[in-house]
Amino acid sequence: HASLRRLQTDYVDLYQAHRFDAETPLEETLK
């Protein structure tokens, strides 16, 4: 939501996980 405000757009074409998060279940991230 913060990125969309800064980029002044309603959507992004690609959203990327900038690194792997060892402290979050992968299922949570992907969901």
PDB file of all heavy atoms in Angstrom:
ATOM      1  N   HIS A   1       0.831  -1.203   0.000  1.00  0.00           N
ATOM      2  CA  HIS A   1       0.000   0.000   0.000  1.00  0.00           C
ATOM      3  C   HIS A   1       0.872   1.261   0.000  1.00  0.00           C
ATOM      4  O   HIS A   1       0.581   2.234  -0.711  1.00  0.00           O
ATOM      5  CB  HIS A   1      -0.931  -0.005   1.218  1.00  0.00           C
ATOM      6  CG  HIS A   1      -2.000  -1.043   1.136  1.00  0.00           C
ATOM      7  ND1 HIS A   1      -2.533  -1.682   2.228  1.00  0.00           N
ATOM      8  CD2 HIS A   1      -2.628  -1.584   0.058  1.00  0.00           C
ATOM      9  CE1 HIS A   1      -3.452  -2.545   1.852  1.00  0.00           C
ATOM     10  NE2 HIS A   1      -3.518  -2.505   0.523  1.00  0.00           N
ATOM     11  N   ALA A   2       1.974   1.228   0.752  1.00  0.00           N
ATOM     12  CA  ALA A   2       2.878   2.383   0.778  1.00  0.00           C
ATOM     13  C   ALA A   2       3.575   2.555  -0.571  1.00  0.00           C
ATOM     14  O   ALA A   2       3.727   3.683  -1.055  1.00  0.00           O
ATOM     15  CB  ALA A   2       3.911   2.206   1.886  1.00  0.00           C
ATOM     16  N   SER A   3       3.978   1.451  -1.182  1.00  0.00           N
ATOM     17  CA  SER A   3       4.627   1.536  -2.493  1.00  0.00           C
ATOM     18  C   SER A   3       3.683   2.090  -3.546  1.00  0.00           C
ATOM     19  O   SER A   3       4.077   2.913  -4.380  1.00  0.00           O
ATOM     20  CB  SER A   3       5.139   0.156  -2.925  1.00  0.00           C
ATOM     21  OG  SER A   3       6.252  -0.250  -2.143  1.00  0.00           O
ATOM     22  N   LEU A   4       2.438   1.662  -3.531  1.00  0.00           N
ATOM     23  CA  LEU A   4       1.468   2.158  -4.508  1.00  0.00           C
ATOM     24  C   LEU A   4       1.253   3.663  -4.355  1.00  0.00           C
ATOM     25  O   LEU A   4       1.134   4.380  -5.349  1.00  0.00           O
ATOM     26  CB  LEU A   4       0.144   1.405  -4.379  1.00  0.00           C
ATOM     27  CG  LEU A   4       0.173  -0.082  -4.737  1.00  0.00           C
ATOM     28  CD1 LEU A   4      -1.187  -0.719  -4.484  1.00  0.00           C
ATOM     29  CD2 LEU A   4       0.586  -0.295  -6.187  1.00  0.00           C
ATOM     30  N   ARG A   5       1.220   4.128  -3.104  1.00  0.00           N
ATOM     31  CA  ARG A   5       1.073   5.576  -2.879  1.00  0.00           C
ATOM     32  C   ARG A   5       2.294   6.317  -3.424  1.00  0.00           C
ATOM     33  O   ARG A   5       2.148   7.344  -4.102  1.00  0.00           O
ATOM     34  CB  ARG A   5       0.911   5.862  -1.377  1.00  0.00           C
ATOM     35  CG  ARG A   5      -0.443   5.495  -0.805  1.00  0.00           C
ATOM     36  CD  ARG A   5      -0.647   6.118   0.569  1.00  0.00           C
ATOM     37  NE  ARG A   5       0.356   5.684   1.543  1.00  0.00           N
ATOM     38  CZ  ARG A   5       0.231   4.608   2.321  1.00  0.00           C
ATOM     39  NH1 ARG A   5      -0.862   3.859   2.223  1.00  0.00           N
ATOM     40  NH2 ARG A   5       1.168   4.298   3.192  1.00  0.00           N
ATOM     41  N   ARG A   6       3.473   5.817  -3.119  1.00  0.00           N
ATOM     42  CA  ARG A   6       4.685   6.512  -3.569  1.00  0.00           C
ATOM     43  C   ARG A   6       4.822   6.489  -5.085  1.00  0.00           C
ATOM     44  O   ARG A   6       5.285   7.463  -5.700  1.00  0.00           O
ATOM     45  CB  ARG A   6       5.916   5.880  -2.903  1.00  0.00           C
ATOM     46  CG  ARG A   6       6.021   6.173  -1.418  1.00  0.00           C
ATOM     47  CD  ARG A   6       7.350   5.725  -0.842  1.00  0.00           C
ATOM     48  NE  ARG A   6       7.462   4.289  -0.746  1.00  0.00           N
ATOM     49  CZ  ARG A   6       7.249   3.576   0.355  1.00  0.00           C
ATOM     50  NH1 ARG A   6       6.865   4.183   1.479  1.00  0.00           N
ATOM     51  NH2 ARG A   6       7.417   2.266   0.365  1.00  0.00           N
ATOM     52  N   LEU A   7       4.454   5.383  -5.700  1.00  0.00           N
ATOM     53  CA  LEU A   7       4.567   5.240  -7.157  1.00  0.00           C
ATOM     54  C   LEU A   7       3.400   5.877  -7.907  1.00  0.00           C
ATOM     55  O   LEU A   7       3.417   5.951  -9.140  1.00  0.00           O
ATOM     56  CB  LEU A   7       4.665   3.756  -7.529  1.00  0.00           C
ATOM     57  CG  LEU A   7       5.985   3.069  -7.143  1.00  0.00           C
ATOM     58  CD1 LEU A   7       5.832   1.552  -7.199  1.00  0.00           C
ATOM     59  CD2 LEU A   7       7.113   3.527  -8.069  1.00  0.00           C
ATOM     60  N   GLN A   8       2.374   6.310  -7.169  1.00  0.00           N
ATOM     61  CA  GLN A   8       1.187   6.961  -7.756  1.00  0.00           C
ATOM     62  C   GLN A   8       0.518   6.063  -8.792  1.00  0.00           C
ATOM     63  O   GLN A   8       0.207   6.481  -9.910  1.00  0.00           O
ATOM     64  CB  GLN A   8       1.562   8.317  -8.369  1.00  0.00           C
ATOM     65  CG  GLN A   8       2.173   9.290  -7.370  1.00  0.00           C
ATOM     66  CD  GLN A   8       2.440  10.651  -7.972  1.00  0.00           C
ATOM     67  OE1 GLN A   8       1.569  11.234  -8.622  1.00  0.00           O
ATOM     68  NE2 GLN A   8       3.637  11.190  -7.771  1.00  0.00           N
ATOM     69  N   THR A   9       0.295   4.812  -8.396  1.00  0.00           N
ATOM     70  CA  THR A   9      -0.358   3.867  -9.289  1.00  0.00           C
ATOM     71  C   THR A   9      -1.291   2.969  -8.478  1.00  0.00           C
ATOM     72  O   THR A   9      -1.145   2.859  -7.251  1.00  0.00           O
ATOM     73  CB  THR A   9       0.683   3.005 -10.041  1.00  0.00           C
ATOM     74  OG1 THR A   9       0.020   2.137 -10.960  1.00  0.00           O
ATOM     75  CG2 THR A   9       1.515   2.166  -9.079  1.00  0.00           C
ATOM     76  N   ASP A  10      -2.245   2.349  -9.163  1.00  0.00           N
ATOM     77  CA  ASP A  10      -3.194   1.464  -8.491  1.00  0.00           C
ATOM     78  C   ASP A  10      -2.672   0.034  -8.372  1.00  0.00           C
ATOM     79  O   ASP A  10      -3.220  -0.763  -7.601  1.00  0.00           O
ATOM     80  CB  ASP A  10      -4.524   1.426  -9.257  1.00  0.00           C
ATOM     81  CG  ASP A  10      -5.220   2.771  -9.276  1.00  0.00           C
ATOM     82  OD1 ASP A  10      -5.089   3.518  -8.285  1.00  0.00           O
ATOM     83  OD2 ASP A  10      -5.876   3.083 -10.286  1.00  0.00           O
ATOM     84  N   TYR A  11      -1.652  -0.296  -9.146  1.00  0.00           N
ATOM     85  CA  TYR A  11      -1.128  -1.667  -9.136  1.00  0.00           C
ATOM     86  C   TYR A  11       0.315  -1.655  -9.605  1.00  0.00           C
ATOM     87  O   TYR A  11       0.765  -0.699 -10.246  1.00  0.00           O
ATOM     88  CB  TYR A  11      -1.956  -2.569 -10.062  1.00  0.00           C
ATOM     89  CG  TYR A  11      -1.830  -2.226 -11.533  1.00  0.00           C
ATOM     90  CD1 TYR A  11      -0.901  -2.879 -12.354  1.00  0.00           C
ATOM     91  CD2 TYR A  11      -2.616  -1.232 -12.112  1.00  0.00           C
ATOM     92  CE1 TYR A  11      -0.762  -2.545 -13.696  1.00  0.00           C
ATOM     93  CE2 TYR A  11      -2.489  -0.893 -13.451  1.00  0.00           C
ATOM     94  CZ  TYR A  11      -1.562  -1.557 -14.239  1.00  0.00           C
ATOM     95  OH  TYR A  11      -1.423  -1.225 -15.567  1.00  0.00           O
ATOM     96  N   VAL A  12       1.051  -2.699  -9.275  1.00  0.00           N
ATOM     97  CA  VAL A  12       2.377  -2.907  -9.857  1.00  0.00           C
ATOM     98  C   VAL A  12       2.323  -4.161 -10.712  1.00  0.00           C
ATOM     99  O   VAL A  12       1.578  -5.102 -10.418  1.00  0.00           O
ATOM    100  CB  VAL A  12       3.488  -3.031  -8.787  1.00  0.00           C
ATOM    101  CG1 VAL A  12       3.684  -1.708  -8.076  1.00  0.00           C
ATOM    102  CG2 VAL A  12       3.227  -4.158  -7.807  1.00  0.00           C
ATOM    103  N   ASP A  13       3.091  -4.155 -11.770  1.00  0.00           N
ATOM    104  CA  ASP A  13       3.086  -5.301 -12.677  1.00  0.00           C
ATOM    105  C   ASP A  13       3.793  -6.507 -12.063  1.00  0.00           C
ATOM    106  O   ASP A  13       3.406  -7.649 -12.329  1.00  0.00           O
ATOM    107  CB  ASP A  13       3.754  -4.909 -13.997  1.00  0.00           C
ATOM    108  CG  ASP A  13       2.981  -3.814 -14.701  1.00  0.00           C
ATOM    109  OD1 ASP A  13       2.070  -4.133 -15.480  1.00  0.00           O
ATOM    110  OD2 ASP A  13       3.262  -2.627 -14.439  1.00  0.00           O
ATOM    111  N   LEU A  14       4.827  -6.254 -11.260  1.00  0.00           N
ATOM    112  CA  LEU A  14       5.568  -7.345 -10.626  1.00  0.00           C
ATOM    113  C   LEU A  14       5.948  -6.924  -9.214  1.00  0.00           C
ATOM    114  O   LEU A  14       6.514  -5.857  -9.008  1.00  0.00           O
ATOM    115  CB  LEU A  14       6.845  -7.670 -11.427  1.00  0.00           C
ATOM    116  CG  LEU A  14       7.733  -8.775 -10.853  1.00  0.00           C
ATOM    117  CD1 LEU A  14       7.058 -10.145 -10.996  1.00  0.00           C
ATOM    118  CD2 LEU A  14       9.104  -8.790 -11.543  1.00  0.00           C
ATOM    119  N   TYR A  15       5.626  -7.793  -8.247  1.00  0.00           N
ATOM    120  CA  TYR A  15       5.994  -7.565  -6.850  1.00  0.00           C
ATOM    121  C   TYR A  15       6.963  -8.670  -6.447  1.00  0.00           C
ATOM    122  O   TYR A  15       6.659  -9.855  -6.611  1.00  0.00           O
ATOM    123  CB  TYR A  15       4.754  -7.588  -5.962  1.00  0.00           C
ATOM    124  CG  TYR A  15       4.906  -6.869  -4.648  1.00  0.00           C
ATOM    125  CD1 TYR A  15       5.665  -5.715  -4.525  1.00  0.00           C
ATOM    126  CD2 TYR A  15       4.239  -7.328  -3.515  1.00  0.00           C
ATOM    127  CE1 TYR A  15       5.773  -5.042  -3.318  1.00  0.00           C
ATOM    128  CE2 TYR A  15       4.333  -6.659  -2.293  1.00  0.00           C
ATOM    129  CZ  TYR A  15       5.104  -5.521  -2.206  1.00  0.00           C
ATOM    130  OH  TYR A  15       5.215  -4.851  -1.010  1.00  0.00           O
ATOM    131  N   GLN A  16       8.126  -8.278  -5.919  1.00  0.00           N
ATOM    132  CA  GLN A  16       9.200  -9.239  -5.690  1.00  0.00           C
ATOM    133  C   GLN A  16       9.608  -9.301  -4.216  1.00  0.00           C
ATOM    134  O   GLN A  16       9.752  -8.258  -3.568  1.00  0.00           O
ATOM    135  CB  GLN A  16      10.428  -8.834  -6.516  1.00  0.00           C
ATOM    136  CG  GLN A  16      10.142  -8.741  -8.016  1.00  0.00           C
ATOM    137  CD  GLN A  16      11.167  -7.867  -8.726  1.00  0.00           C
ATOM    138  OE1 GLN A  16      12.143  -8.368  -9.281  1.00  0.00           O
ATOM    139  NE2 GLN A  16      10.955  -6.561  -8.712  1.00  0.00           N
ATOM    140  N   ALA A  17       9.815 -10.515  -3.740  1.00  0.00           N
ATOM    141  CA  ALA A  17      10.369 -10.724  -2.402  1.00  0.00           C
ATOM    142  C   ALA A  17      11.869 -10.465  -2.491  1.00  0.00           C
ATOM    143  O   ALA A  17      12.611 -11.246  -3.096  1.00  0.00           O
ATOM    144  CB  ALA A  17      10.081 -12.138  -1.933  1.00  0.00           C
ATOM    145  N   HIS A  18      12.324  -9.390  -1.868  1.00  0.00           N
ATOM    146  CA  HIS A  18      13.674  -8.866  -2.084  1.00  0.00           C
ATOM    147  C   HIS A  18      14.764  -9.780  -1.518  1.00  0.00           C
ATOM    148  O   HIS A  18      15.923  -9.680  -1.934  1.00  0.00           O
ATOM    149  CB  HIS A  18      13.771  -7.468  -1.471  1.00  0.00           C
ATOM    150  CG  HIS A  18      14.720  -6.557  -2.161  1.00  0.00           C
ATOM    151  ND1 HIS A  18      14.706  -5.197  -2.002  1.00  0.00           N
ATOM    152  CD2 HIS A  18      15.740  -6.788  -3.019  1.00  0.00           C
ATOM    153  CE1 HIS A  18      15.655  -4.639  -2.730  1.00  0.00           C
ATOM    154  NE2 HIS A  18      16.313  -5.588  -3.348  1.00  0.00           N
ATOM    155  N   ARG A  19      14.438 -10.595  -0.553  1.00  0.00           N
ATOM    156  CA  ARG A  19      15.284 -11.675  -0.050  1.00  0.00           C
ATOM    157  C   ARG A  19      14.362 -12.739   0.543  1.00  0.00           C
ATOM    158  O   ARG A  19      13.165 -12.515   0.699  1.00  0.00           O
ATOM    159  CB  ARG A  19      16.290 -11.198   1.021  1.00  0.00           C
ATOM    160  CG  ARG A  19      17.413 -10.290   0.523  1.00  0.00           C
ATOM    161  CD  ARG A  19      18.345 -10.977  -0.461  1.00  0.00           C
ATOM    162  NE  ARG A  19      19.486 -10.131  -0.815  1.00  0.00           N
ATOM    163  CZ  ARG A  19      19.484  -9.199  -1.755  1.00  0.00           C
ATOM    164  NH1 ARG A  19      18.359  -8.957  -2.430  1.00  0.00           N
ATOM    165  NH2 ARG A  19      20.572  -8.498  -2.041  1.00  0.00           N
ATOM    166  N   PHE A  20      14.926 -13.871   0.876  1.00  0.00           N
ATOM    167  CA  PHE A  20      14.165 -14.934   1.539  1.00  0.00           C
ATOM    168  C   PHE A  20      14.085 -14.602   3.024  1.00  0.00           C
ATOM    169  O   PHE A  20      15.072 -14.206   3.639  1.00  0.00           O
ATOM    170  CB  PHE A  20      14.872 -16.273   1.333  1.00  0.00           C
ATOM    171  CG  PHE A  20      14.118 -17.450   1.887  1.00  0.00           C
ATOM    172  CD1 PHE A  20      13.124 -18.052   1.135  1.00  0.00           C
ATOM    173  CD2 PHE A  20      14.401 -17.933   3.151  1.00  0.00           C
ATOM    174  CE1 PHE A  20      12.423 -19.145   1.641  1.00  0.00           C
ATOM    175  CE2 PHE A  20      13.704 -19.018   3.666  1.00  0.00           C
ATOM    176  CZ  PHE A  20      12.710 -19.624   2.907  1.00  0.00           C
ATOM    177  N   ASP A  21      12.895 -14.769   3.608  1.00  0.00           N
ATOM    178  CA  ASP A  21      12.691 -14.466   5.027  1.00  0.00           C
ATOM    179  C   ASP A  21      12.635 -15.771   5.813  1.00  0.00           C
ATOM    180  O   ASP A  21      11.638 -16.489   5.777  1.00  0.00           O
ATOM    181  CB  ASP A  21      11.401 -13.665   5.211  1.00  0.00           C
ATOM    182  CG  ASP A  21      11.160 -13.259   6.664  1.00  0.00           C
ATOM    183  OD1 ASP A  21      12.028 -13.551   7.508  1.00  0.00           O
ATOM    184  OD2 ASP A  21      10.107 -12.667   6.944  1.00  0.00           O
ATOM    185  N   ALA A  22      13.717 -16.057   6.547  1.00  0.00           N
ATOM    186  CA  ALA A  22      13.804 -17.304   7.317  1.00  0.00           C
ATOM    187  C   ALA A  22      12.893 -17.290   8.538  1.00  0.00           C
ATOM    188  O   ALA A  22      12.694 -18.332   9.170  1.00  0.00           O
ATOM    189  CB  ALA A  22      15.251 -17.535   7.750  1.00  0.00           C
ATOM    190  N   GLU A  23      12.314 -16.135   8.870  1.00  0.00           N
ATOM    191  CA  GLU A  23      11.482 -16.028  10.068  1.00  0.00           C
ATOM    192  C   GLU A  23       9.984 -16.046   9.779  1.00  0.00           C
ATOM    193  O   GLU A  23       9.177 -15.888  10.699  1.00  0.00           O
ATOM    194  CB  GLU A  23      11.850 -14.758  10.836  1.00  0.00           C
ATOM    195  CG  GLU A  23      13.278 -14.735  11.357  1.00  0.00           C
ATOM    196  CD  GLU A  23      13.552 -13.542  12.246  1.00  0.00           C
ATOM    197  OE1 GLU A  23      12.770 -13.301  13.187  1.00  0.00           O
ATOM    198  OE2 GLU A  23      14.532 -12.828  11.995  1.00  0.00           O
ATOM    199  N   THR A  24       9.621 -16.214   8.520  1.00  0.00           N
ATOM    200  CA  THR A  24       8.209 -16.269   8.145  1.00  0.00           C
ATOM    201  C   THR A  24       7.944 -17.561   7.388  1.00  0.00           C
ATOM    202  O   THR A  24       8.691 -17.886   6.459  1.00  0.00           O
ATOM    203  CB  THR A  24       7.815 -15.069   7.257  1.00  0.00           C
ATOM    204  OG1 THR A  24       8.044 -13.857   7.971  1.00  0.00           O
ATOM    205  CG2 THR A  24       6.346 -15.140   6.861  1.00  0.00           C
ATOM    206  N   PRO A  25       6.884 -18.296   7.728  1.00  0.00           N
ATOM    207  CA  PRO A  25       6.554 -19.491   6.930  1.00  0.00           C
ATOM    208  C   PRO A  25       6.352 -19.102   5.465  1.00  0.00           C
ATOM    209  O   PRO A  25       5.682 -18.107   5.168  1.00  0.00           O
ATOM    210  CB  PRO A  25       5.248 -19.988   7.570  1.00  0.00           C
ATOM    211  CG  PRO A  25       5.261 -19.429   8.957  1.00  0.00           C
ATOM    212  CD  PRO A  25       5.961 -18.104   8.857  1.00  0.00           C
ATOM    213  N   LEU A  26       6.938 -19.885   4.585  1.00  0.00           N
ATOM    214  CA  LEU A  26       6.831 -19.577   3.165  1.00  0.00           C
ATOM    215  C   LEU A  26       5.382 -19.580   2.702  1.00  0.00           C
ATOM    216  O   LEU A  26       4.994 -18.798   1.831  1.00  0.00           O
ATOM    217  CB  LEU A  26       7.670 -20.585   2.375  1.00  0.00           C
ATOM    218  CG  LEU A  26       7.974 -20.286   0.908  1.00  0.00           C
ATOM    219  CD1 LEU A  26       8.410 -18.850   0.683  1.00  0.00           C
ATOM    220  CD2 LEU A  26       9.037 -21.261   0.396  1.00  0.00           C
ATOM    221  N   GLU A  27       4.572 -20.439   3.300  1.00  0.00           N
ATOM    222  CA  GLU A  27       3.147 -20.484   2.951  1.00  0.00           C
ATOM    223  C   GLU A  27       2.474 -19.139   3.230  1.00  0.00           C
ATOM    224  O   GLU A  27       1.610 -18.696   2.462  1.00  0.00           O
ATOM    225  CB  GLU A  27       2.434 -21.597   3.742  1.00  0.00           C
ATOM    226  CG  GLU A  27       2.843 -23.004   3.354  1.00  0.00           C
ATOM    227  CD  GLU A  27       4.106 -23.484   4.061  1.00  0.00           C
ATOM    228  OE1 GLU A  27       4.765 -22.668   4.761  1.00  0.00           O
ATOM    229  OE2 GLU A  27       4.432 -24.672   3.934  1.00  0.00           O
ATOM    230  N   GLU A  28       2.849 -18.493   4.333  1.00  0.00           N
ATOM    231  CA  GLU A  28       2.264 -17.194   4.679  1.00  0.00           C
ATOM    232  C   GLU A  28       2.622 -16.135   3.639  1.00  0.00           C
ATOM    233  O   GLU A  28       1.760 -15.364   3.188  1.00  0.00           O
ATOM    234  CB  GLU A  28       2.752 -16.748   6.067  1.00  0.00           C
ATOM    235  CG  GLU A  28       2.241 -15.381   6.487  1.00  0.00           C
ATOM    236  CD  GLU A  28       2.748 -14.958   7.859  1.00  0.00           C
ATOM    237  OE1 GLU A  28       3.136 -15.850   8.646  1.00  0.00           O
ATOM    238  OE2 GLU A  28       2.754 -13.751   8.149  1.00  0.00           O
ATOM    239  N   THR A  29       3.879 -16.115   3.247  1.00  0.00           N
ATOM    240  CA  THR A  29       4.333 -15.149   2.245  1.00  0.00           C
ATOM    241  C   THR A  29       3.625 -15.365   0.917  1.00  0.00           C
ATOM    242  O   THR A  29       3.100 -14.420   0.304  1.00  0.00           O
ATOM    243  CB  THR A  29       5.851 -15.275   2.047  1.00  0.00           C
ATOM    244  OG1 THR A  29       6.509 -14.928   3.273  1.00  0.00           O
ATOM    245  CG2 THR A  29       6.331 -14.358   0.927  1.00  0.00           C
ATOM    246  N   LEU A  30       3.593 -16.604   0.469  1.00  0.00           N
ATOM    247  CA  LEU A  30       2.998 -16.902  -0.841  1.00  0.00           C
ATOM    248  C   LEU A  30       1.492 -16.679  -0.844  1.00  0.00           C
ATOM    249  O   LEU A  30       0.931 -16.224  -1.848  1.00  0.00           O
ATOM    250  CB  LEU A  30       3.335 -18.330  -1.250  1.00  0.00           C
ATOM    251  CG  LEU A  30       4.829 -18.615  -1.470  1.00  0.00           C
ATOM    252  CD1 LEU A  30       5.056 -20.093  -1.741  1.00  0.00           C
ATOM    253  CD2 LEU A  30       5.391 -17.775  -2.608  1.00  0.00           C
ATOM    254  N   LYS A  31       0.819 -16.982   0.260  1.00  0.00           N
ATOM    255  CA  LYS A  31      -0.622 -16.744   0.346  1.00  0.00           C
ATOM    256  C   LYS A  31      -0.901 -15.240   0.294  1.00  0.00           C
ATOM    257  O   LYS A  31      -1.854 -14.799  -0.374  1.00  0.00           O
ATOM    258  CB  LYS A  31      -1.182 -17.324   1.644  1.00  0.00           C
ATOM    259  CG  LYS A  31      -2.692 -17.079   1.836  1.00  0.00           C
ATOM    260  CD  LYS A  31      -3.507 -17.798   0.769  1.00  0.00           C
ATOM    261  CE  LYS A  31      -4.999 -17.820   1.087  1.00  0.00           C
ATOM    262  NZ  LYS A  31      -5.637 -16.483   1.003  1.00  0.00           N
TER     263      LYS A  31
END
